[in-house]
Amino acid sequence: MEDDVHSTTSLQERAEKRKKLYQKSEEKIHAKELEQTQAKSKGEENNPATWKSVSEECAGYMREFLTDLAYCSNVEVVAREATA
């Protein structure tokens, strides 16, 4: 009888250890996936070629920036430098 109790306790302890190990493994996997997603988002955020559209929040700023005389002047300077 005592062996059965010891055996059951041992099985429960091992099951609990496996459960904790599995949870830690899942947490690590989730953290890695989150890190990869954030890195991808950061890369796309800084790469205008991947933008599909400008958010409504930024549309006014973009319109103002692109129609500003300083922008036109900068474009001319860049074009001149690129073809020199």
PDB file of N, CA and C in Angstrom:
ATOM      1  N   MET A   1       0.824  -1.190   0.000  1.00  0.00           N
ATOM      2  CA  MET A   1       0.000   0.000   0.000  1.00  0.00           C
ATOM      3  C   MET A   1       0.871   1.259   0.000  1.00  0.00           C
ATOM      4  N   GLU A   2       1.918   1.239   0.818  1.00  0.00           N
ATOM      5  CA  GLU A   2       2.816   2.379   0.908  1.00  0.00           C
ATOM      6  C   GLU A   2       3.526   2.617  -0.424  1.00  0.00           C
ATOM      7  N   ASP A   3       3.867   1.545  -1.130  1.00  0.00           N
ATOM      8  CA  ASP A   3       4.499   1.671  -2.444  1.00  0.00           C
ATOM      9  C   ASP A   3       3.560   2.335  -3.442  1.00  0.00           C
ATOM     10  N   ASP A   4       2.270   2.018  -3.346  1.00  0.00           N
ATOM     11  CA  ASP A   4       1.284   2.623  -4.239  1.00  0.00           C
ATOM     12  C   ASP A   4       1.190   4.127  -4.008  1.00  0.00           C
ATOM     13  N   VAL A   5       1.195   4.546  -2.756  1.00  0.00           N
ATOM     14  CA  VAL A   5       1.129   5.967  -2.409  1.00  0.00           C
ATOM     15  C   VAL A   5       2.381   6.673  -2.902  1.00  0.00           C
ATOM     16  N   HIS A   6       3.538   6.065  -2.665  1.00  0.00           N
ATOM     17  CA  HIS A   6       4.803   6.645  -3.115  1.00  0.00           C
ATOM     18  C   HIS A   6       4.830   6.735  -4.642  1.00  0.00           C
ATOM     19  N   SER A   7       4.364   5.685  -5.294  1.00  0.00           N
ATOM     20  CA  SER A   7       4.340   5.639  -6.755  1.00  0.00           C
ATOM     21  C   SER A   7       3.408   6.704  -7.319  1.00  0.00           C
ATOM     22  N   THR A   8       2.242   6.864  -6.719  1.00  0.00           N
ATOM     23  CA  THR A   8       1.276   7.868  -7.166  1.00  0.00           C
ATOM     24  C   THR A   8       1.833   9.268  -6.962  1.00  0.00           C
ATOM     25  N   THR A   9       2.441   9.504  -5.814  1.00  0.00           N
ATOM     26  CA  THR A   9       3.044  10.807  -5.525  1.00  0.00           C
ATOM     27  C   THR A   9       4.158  11.099  -6.518  1.00  0.00           C
ATOM     28  N   SER A  10       4.968  10.121  -6.799  1.00  0.00           N
ATOM     29  CA  SER A  10       6.064  10.282  -7.748  1.00  0.00           C
ATOM     30  C   SER A  10       5.531  10.598  -9.143  1.00  0.00           C
ATOM     31  N   LEU A  11       4.482   9.919  -9.544  1.00  0.00           N
ATOM     32  CA  LEU A  11       3.872  10.179 -10.854  1.00  0.00           C
ATOM     33  C   LEU A  11       3.300  11.589 -10.917  1.00  0.00           C
ATOM     34  N   GLN A  12       2.667  12.006  -9.838  1.00  0.00           N
ATOM     35  CA  GLN A  12       2.096  13.352  -9.788  1.00  0.00           C
ATOM     36  C   GLN A  12       3.191  14.413  -9.849  1.00  0.00           C
ATOM     37  N   GLU A  13       4.283  14.176  -9.139  1.00  0.00           N
ATOM     38  CA  GLU A  13       5.401  15.126  -9.160  1.00  0.00           C
ATOM     39  C   GLU A  13       5.999  15.236 -10.556  1.00  0.00           C
ATOM     40  N   ARG A  14       6.181  14.100 -11.214  1.00  0.00           N
ATOM     41  CA  ARG A  14       6.728  14.124 -12.575  1.00  0.00           C
ATOM     42  C   ARG A  14       5.774  14.815 -13.539  1.00  0.00           C
ATOM     43  N   ALA A  15       4.480  14.558 -13.362  1.00  0.00           N
ATOM     44  CA  ALA A  15       3.487  15.209 -14.218  1.00  0.00           C
ATOM     45  C   ALA A  15       3.520  16.720 -14.013  1.00  0.00           C
ATOM     46  N   GLU A  16       3.665  17.150 -12.768  1.00  0.00           N
ATOM     47  CA  GLU A  16       3.735  18.576 -12.458  1.00  0.00           C
ATOM     48  C   GLU A  16       5.000  19.202 -13.059  1.00  0.00           C
ATOM     49  N   LYS A  17       6.128  18.497 -12.967  1.00  0.00           N
ATOM     50  CA  LYS A  17       7.371  18.991 -13.568  1.00  0.00           C
ATOM     51  C   LYS A  17       7.236  19.115 -15.083  1.00  0.00           C
ATOM     52  N   ARG A  18       6.610  18.106 -15.714  1.00  0.00           N
ATOM     53  CA  ARG A  18       6.401  18.159 -17.168  1.00  0.00           C
ATOM     54  C   ARG A  18       5.513  19.336 -17.543  1.00  0.00           C
ATOM     55  N   LYS A  19       4.486  19.553 -16.732  1.00  0.00           N
ATOM     56  CA  LYS A  19       3.565  20.663 -16.982  1.00  0.00           C
ATOM     57  C   LYS A  19       4.304  22.000 -16.916  1.00  0.00           C
ATOM     58  N   LYS A  20       5.137  22.171 -15.883  1.00  0.00           N
ATOM     59  CA  LYS A  20       5.905  23.411 -15.738  1.00  0.00           C
ATOM     60  C   LYS A  20       6.894  23.585 -16.887  1.00  0.00           C
ATOM     61  N   LEU A  21       7.541  22.502 -17.270  1.00  0.00           N
ATOM     62  CA  LEU A  21       8.484  22.547 -18.379  1.00  0.00           C
ATOM     63  C   LEU A  21       7.772  22.925 -19.677  1.00  0.00           C
ATOM     64  N   TYR A  22       6.604  22.347 -19.892  1.00  0.00           N
ATOM     65  CA  TYR A  22       5.807  22.654 -21.080  1.00  0.00           C
ATOM     66  C   TYR A  22       5.397  24.126 -21.079  1.00  0.00           C
ATOM     67  N   GLN A  23       4.966  24.636 -19.919  1.00  0.00           N
ATOM     68  CA  GLN A  23       4.572  26.038 -19.827  1.00  0.00           C
ATOM     69  C   GLN A  23       5.744  26.966 -20.127  1.00  0.00           C
ATOM     70  N   LYS A  24       6.918  26.653 -19.584  1.00  0.00           N
ATOM     71  CA  LYS A  24       8.108  27.470 -19.855  1.00  0.00           C
ATOM     72  C   LYS A  24       8.449  27.443 -21.338  1.00  0.00           C
ATOM     73  N   SER A  25       8.339  26.271 -21.927  1.00  0.00           N
ATOM     74  CA  SER A  25       8.619  26.125 -23.351  1.00  0.00           C
ATOM     75  C   SER A  25       7.644  26.962 -24.174  1.00  0.00           C
ATOM     76  N   GLU A  26       6.374  26.908 -23.826  1.00  0.00           N
ATOM     77  CA  GLU A  26       5.358  27.701 -24.522  1.00  0.00           C
ATOM     78  C   GLU A  26       5.630  29.198 -24.365  1.00  0.00           C
ATOM     79  N   GLU A  27       6.032  29.617 -23.175  1.00  0.00           N
ATOM     80  CA  GLU A  27       6.343  31.026 -22.935  1.00  0.00           C
ATOM     81  C   GLU A  27       7.523  31.478 -23.791  1.00  0.00           C
ATOM     82  N   LYS A  28       8.538  30.642 -23.896  1.00  0.00           N
ATOM     83  CA  LYS A  28       9.706  30.976 -24.719  1.00  0.00           C
ATOM     84  C   LYS A  28       9.320  31.078 -26.189  1.00  0.00           C
ATOM     85  N   ILE A  29       8.507  30.140 -26.651  1.00  0.00           N
ATOM     86  CA  ILE A  29       8.061  30.159 -28.048  1.00  0.00           C
ATOM     87  C   ILE A  29       7.255  31.421 -28.311  1.00  0.00           C
ATOM     88  N   HIS A  30       6.336  31.742 -27.407  1.00  0.00           N
ATOM     89  CA  HIS A  30       5.508  32.937 -27.569  1.00  0.00           C
ATOM     90  C   HIS A  30       6.371  34.201 -27.575  1.00  0.00           C
ATOM     91  N   ALA A  31       7.341  34.272 -26.678  1.00  0.00           N
ATOM     92  CA  ALA A  31       8.228  35.437 -26.610  1.00  0.00           C
ATOM     93  C   ALA A  31       9.022  35.584 -27.908  1.00  0.00           C
ATOM     94  N   LYS A  32       9.505  34.474 -28.449  1.00  0.00           N
ATOM     95  CA  LYS A  32      10.271  34.506 -29.696  1.00  0.00           C
ATOM     96  C   LYS A  32       9.386  34.958 -30.859  1.00  0.00           C
ATOM     97  N   GLU A  33       8.158  34.437 -30.924  1.00  0.00           N
ATOM     98  CA  GLU A  33       7.227  34.842 -31.981  1.00  0.00           C
ATOM     99  C   GLU A  33       6.912  36.325 -31.881  1.00  0.00           C
ATOM    100  N   LEU A  34       6.701  36.810 -30.671  1.00  0.00           N
ATOM    101  CA  LEU A  34       6.420  38.222 -30.457  1.00  0.00           C
ATOM    102  C   LEU A  34       7.605  39.078 -30.890  1.00  0.00           C
ATOM    103  N   GLU A  35       8.794  38.656 -30.543  1.00  0.00           N
ATOM    104  CA  GLU A  35      10.013  39.372 -30.928  1.00  0.00           C
ATOM    105  C   GLU A  35      10.141  39.443 -32.452  1.00  0.00           C
ATOM    106  N   GLN A  36       9.870  38.328 -33.123  1.00  0.00           N
ATOM    107  CA  GLN A  36       9.956  38.291 -34.583  1.00  0.00           C
ATOM    108  C   GLN A  36       8.900  39.189 -35.216  1.00  0.00           C
ATOM    109  N   THR A  37       7.696  39.172 -34.675  1.00  0.00           N
ATOM    110  CA  THR A  37       6.621  40.013 -35.195  1.00  0.00           C
ATOM    111  C   THR A  37       6.967  41.483 -35.028  1.00  0.00           C
ATOM    112  N   GLN A  38       7.497  41.834 -33.864  1.00  0.00           N
ATOM    113  CA  GLN A  38       7.873  43.224 -33.616  1.00  0.00           C
ATOM    114  C   GLN A  38       9.002  43.662 -34.540  1.00  0.00           C
ATOM    115  N   ALA A  39       9.969  42.794 -34.763  1.00  0.00           N
ATOM    116  CA  ALA A  39      11.084  43.124 -35.653  1.00  0.00           C
ATOM    117  C   ALA A  39      10.578  43.318 -37.076  1.00  0.00           C
ATOM    118  N   LYS A  40       9.672  42.458 -37.507  1.00  0.00           N
ATOM    119  CA  LYS A  40       9.110  42.576 -38.856  1.00  0.00           C
ATOM    120  C   LYS A  40       8.318  43.872 -38.982  1.00  0.00           C
ATOM    121  N   SER A  41       7.508  44.184 -37.975  1.00  0.00           N
ATOM    122  CA  SER A  41       6.722  45.416 -37.997  1.00  0.00           C
ATOM    123  C   SER A  41       7.630  46.633 -38.040  1.00  0.00           C
ATOM    124  N   LYS A  42       8.682  46.592 -37.249  1.00  0.00           N
ATOM    125  CA  LYS A  42       9.623  47.712 -37.207  1.00  0.00           C
ATOM    126  C   LYS A  42      10.275  47.903 -38.574  1.00  0.00           C
ATOM    127  N   GLY A  43      10.645  46.797 -39.217  1.00  0.00           N
ATOM    128  CA  GLY A  43      11.255  46.875 -40.539  1.00  0.00           C
ATOM    129  C   GLY A  43      10.299  47.437 -41.573  1.00  0.00           C
ATOM    130  N   GLU A  44       9.052  46.988 -41.542  1.00  0.00           N
ATOM    131  CA  GLU A  44       8.058  47.479 -42.490  1.00  0.00           C
ATOM    132  C   GLU A  44       7.710  48.933 -42.214  1.00  0.00           C
ATOM    133  N   GLU A  45       7.682  49.296 -40.949  1.00  0.00           N
ATOM    134  CA  GLU A  45       7.362  50.657 -40.549  1.00  0.00           C
ATOM    135  C   GLU A  45       8.386  51.638 -41.109  1.00  0.00           C
ATOM    136  N   ASN A  46       9.635  51.230 -41.154  1.00  0.00           N
ATOM    137  CA  ASN A  46      10.706  52.096 -41.627  1.00  0.00           C
ATOM    138  C   ASN A  46      10.991  51.935 -43.113  1.00  0.00           C
ATOM    139  N   ASN A  47      10.192  51.145 -43.803  1.00  0.00           N
ATOM    140  CA  ASN A  47      10.394  50.914 -45.226  1.00  0.00           C
ATOM    141  C   ASN A  47       9.146  51.349 -45.991  1.00  0.00           C
ATOM    142  N   PRO A  48       9.138  52.570 -46.524  1.00  0.00           N
ATOM    143  CA  PRO A  48       7.952  53.074 -47.219  1.00  0.00           C
ATOM    144  C   PRO A  48       7.499  52.192 -48.383  1.00  0.00           C
ATOM    145  N   ALA A  49       8.393  51.405 -48.951  1.00  0.00           N
ATOM    146  CA  ALA A  49       8.012  50.538 -50.067  1.00  0.00           C
ATOM    147  C   ALA A  49       6.964  49.508 -49.653  1.00  0.00           C
ATOM    148  N   THR A  50       6.890  49.171 -48.372  1.00  0.00           N
ATOM    149  CA  THR A  50       5.910  48.181 -47.907  1.00  0.00           C
ATOM    150  C   THR A  50       4.585  48.816 -47.497  1.00  0.00           C
ATOM    151  N   TRP A  51       4.521  50.136 -47.480  1.00  0.00           N
ATOM    152  CA  TRP A  51       3.290  50.803 -47.074  1.00  0.00           C
ATOM    153  C   TRP A  51       2.247  50.657 -48.167  1.00  0.00           C
ATOM    154  N   LYS A  52       1.067  50.272 -47.807  1.00  0.00           N
ATOM    155  CA  LYS A  52      -0.037  50.167 -48.760  1.00  0.00           C
ATOM    156  C   LYS A  52      -0.794  51.489 -48.831  1.00  0.00           C
ATOM    157  N   SER A  53      -0.869  52.177 -47.707  1.00  0.00           N
ATOM    158  CA  SER A  53      -1.558  53.462 -47.662  1.00  0.00           C
ATOM    159  C   SER A  53      -1.058  54.248 -46.457  1.00  0.00           C
ATOM    160  N   VAL A  54      -1.392  55.512 -46.445  1.00  0.00           N
ATOM    161  CA  VAL A  54      -1.036  56.376 -45.326  1.00  0.00           C
ATOM    162  C   VAL A  54      -2.250  56.430 -44.408  1.00  0.00           C
ATOM    163  N   SER A  55      -2.037  56.279 -43.127  1.00  0.00           N
ATOM    164  CA  SER A  55      -3.164  56.315 -42.186  1.00  0.00           C
ATOM    165  C   SER A  55      -3.820  57.689 -42.209  1.00  0.00           C
ATOM    166  N   GLU A  56      -5.106  57.718 -41.865  1.00  0.00           N
ATOM    167  CA  GLU A  56      -5.835  58.989 -41.820  1.00  0.00           C
ATOM    168  C   GLU A  56      -5.143  59.966 -40.878  1.00  0.00           C
ATOM    169  N   GLU A  57      -4.618  59.443 -39.810  1.00  0.00           N
ATOM    170  CA  GLU A  57      -3.933  60.252 -38.815  1.00  0.00           C
ATOM    171  C   GLU A  57      -2.735  60.993 -39.421  1.00  0.00           C
ATOM    172  N   CYS A  58      -2.066  60.368 -40.385  1.00  0.00           N
ATOM    173  CA  CYS A  58      -0.860  60.948 -40.987  1.00  0.00           C
ATOM    174  C   CYS A  58      -1.128  61.658 -42.317  1.00  0.00           C
ATOM    175  N   ALA A  59      -2.302  61.492 -42.882  1.00  0.00           N
ATOM    176  CA  ALA A  59      -2.587  62.018 -44.223  1.00  0.00           C
ATOM    177  C   ALA A  59      -2.360  63.524 -44.324  1.00  0.00           C
ATOM    178  N   GLY A  60      -2.848  64.276 -43.360  1.00  0.00           N
ATOM    179  CA  GLY A  60      -2.679  65.732 -43.385  1.00  0.00           C
ATOM    180  C   GLY A  60      -1.214  66.140 -43.325  1.00  0.00           C
ATOM    181  N   TYR A  61      -0.464  65.472 -42.470  1.00  0.00           N
ATOM    182  CA  TYR A  61       0.967  65.763 -42.360  1.00  0.00           C
ATOM    183  C   TYR A  61       1.690  65.438 -43.666  1.00  0.00           C
ATOM    184  N   MET A  62       1.344  64.306 -44.256  1.00  0.00           N
ATOM    185  CA  MET A  62       1.988  63.911 -45.517  1.00  0.00           C
ATOM    186  C   MET A  62       1.649  64.901 -46.628  1.00  0.00           C
ATOM    187  N   ARG A  63       0.384  65.309 -46.698  1.00  0.00           N
ATOM    188  CA  ARG A  63      -0.037  66.269 -47.721  1.00  0.00           C
ATOM    189  C   ARG A  63       0.747  67.566 -47.566  1.00  0.00           C
ATOM    190  N   GLU A  64       0.831  68.047 -46.337  1.00  0.00           N
ATOM    191  CA  GLU A  64       1.563  69.288 -46.063  1.00  0.00           C
ATOM    192  C   GLU A  64       3.045  69.135 -46.405  1.00  0.00           C
ATOM    193  N   PHE A  65       3.628  68.023 -46.020  1.00  0.00           N
ATOM    194  CA  PHE A  65       5.041  67.770 -46.280  1.00  0.00           C
ATOM    195  C   PHE A  65       5.333  67.711 -47.775  1.00  0.00           C
ATOM    196  N   LEU A  66       4.498  66.985 -48.520  1.00  0.00           N
ATOM    197  CA  LEU A  66       4.758  66.788 -49.947  1.00  0.00           C
ATOM    198  C   LEU A  66       4.467  68.021 -50.797  1.00  0.00           C
ATOM    199  N   THR A  67       3.637  68.924 -50.299  1.00  0.00           N
ATOM    200  CA  THR A  67       3.318  70.122 -51.083  1.00  0.00           C
ATOM    201  C   THR A  67       4.091  71.349 -50.608  1.00  0.00           C
ATOM    202  N   ASP A  68       4.909  71.195 -49.603  1.00  0.00           N
ATOM    203  CA  ASP A  68       5.702  72.296 -49.064  1.00  0.00           C
ATOM    204  C   ASP A  68       6.814  72.676 -50.047  1.00  0.00           C
ATOM    205  N   LEU A  69       7.112  73.964 -50.137  1.00  0.00           N
ATOM    206  CA  LEU A  69       8.158  74.428 -51.051  1.00  0.00           C
ATOM    207  C   LEU A  69       9.526  73.866 -50.686  1.00  0.00           C
ATOM    208  N   ALA A  70       9.789  73.690 -49.407  1.00  0.00           N
ATOM    209  CA  ALA A  70      11.080  73.135 -48.987  1.00  0.00           C
ATOM    210  C   ALA A  70      11.239  71.714 -49.525  1.00  0.00           C
ATOM    211  N   TYR A  71      10.157  70.946 -49.552  1.00  0.00           N
ATOM    212  CA  TYR A  71      10.214  69.578 -50.081  1.00  0.00           C
ATOM    213  C   TYR A  71      10.577  69.615 -51.560  1.00  0.00           C
ATOM    214  N   CYS A  72       9.915  70.478 -52.309  1.00  0.00           N
ATOM    215  CA  CYS A  72      10.209  70.588 -53.744  1.00  0.00           C
ATOM    216  C   CYS A  72      11.667  70.976 -53.966  1.00  0.00           C
ATOM    217  N   SER A  73      12.158  71.899 -53.160  1.00  0.00           N
ATOM    218  CA  SER A  73      13.553  72.317 -53.259  1.00  0.00           C
ATOM    219  C   SER A  73      14.486  71.150 -52.941  1.00  0.00           C
ATOM    220  N   ASN A  74      14.161  70.380 -51.914  1.00  0.00           N
ATOM    221  CA  ASN A  74      14.977  69.222 -51.542  1.00  0.00           C
ATOM    222  C   ASN A  74      14.987  68.175 -52.648  1.00  0.00           C
ATOM    223  N   VAL A  75      13.849  67.961 -53.281  1.00  0.00           N
ATOM    224  CA  VAL A  75      13.762  66.987 -54.371  1.00  0.00           C
ATOM    225  C   VAL A  75      14.675  67.417 -55.516  1.00  0.00           C
ATOM    226  N   GLU A  76      14.679  68.700 -55.815  1.00  0.00           N
ATOM    227  CA  GLU A  76      15.540  69.205 -56.888  1.00  0.00           C
ATOM    228  C   GLU A  76      17.014  68.990 -56.543  1.00  0.00           C
ATOM    229  N   VAL A  77      17.392  69.268 -55.320  1.00  0.00           N
ATOM    230  CA  VAL A  77      18.783  69.087 -54.887  1.00  0.00           C
ATOM    231  C   VAL A  77      19.173  67.614 -54.974  1.00  0.00           C
ATOM    232  N   VAL A  78      18.327  66.745 -54.498  1.00  0.00           N
ATOM    233  CA  VAL A  78      18.615  65.308 -54.532  1.00  0.00           C
ATOM    234  C   VAL A  78      18.732  64.831 -55.972  1.00  0.00           C
ATOM    235  N   ALA A  79      17.834  65.274 -56.826  1.00  0.00           N
ATOM    236  CA  ALA A  79      17.872  64.866 -58.233  1.00  0.00           C
ATOM    237  C   ALA A  79      19.164  65.352 -58.890  1.00  0.00           C
ATOM    238  N   ARG A  80      19.538  66.568 -58.599  1.00  0.00           N
ATOM    239  CA  ARG A  80      20.770  67.120 -59.161  1.00  0.00           C
ATOM    240  C   ARG A  80      21.993  66.333 -58.690  1.00  0.00           C
ATOM    241  N   GLU A  81      22.041  66.035 -57.397  1.00  0.00           N
ATOM    242  CA  GLU A  81      23.163  65.283 -56.834  1.00  0.00           C
ATOM    243  C   GLU A  81      23.218  63.861 -57.386  1.00  0.00           C
ATOM    244  N   ALA A  82      22.057  63.268 -57.585  1.00  0.00           N
ATOM    245  CA  ALA A  82      22.005  61.886 -58.067  1.00  0.00           C
ATOM    246  C   ALA A  82      22.475  61.772 -59.511  1.00  0.00           C
ATOM    247  N   THR A  83      22.255  62.805 -60.295  1.00  0.00           N
ATOM    248  CA  THR A  83      22.645  62.752 -61.709  1.00  0.00           C
ATOM    249  C   THR A  83      24.011  63.377 -61.964  1.00  0.00           C
ATOM    250  N   ALA A  84      24.643  63.905 -60.942  1.00  0.00           N
ATOM    251  CA  ALA A  84      25.951  64.552 -61.119  1.00  0.00           C
ATOM    252  C   ALA A  84      27.064  63.536 -61.229  1.00  0.00           C
TER     253      ALA A  84
END
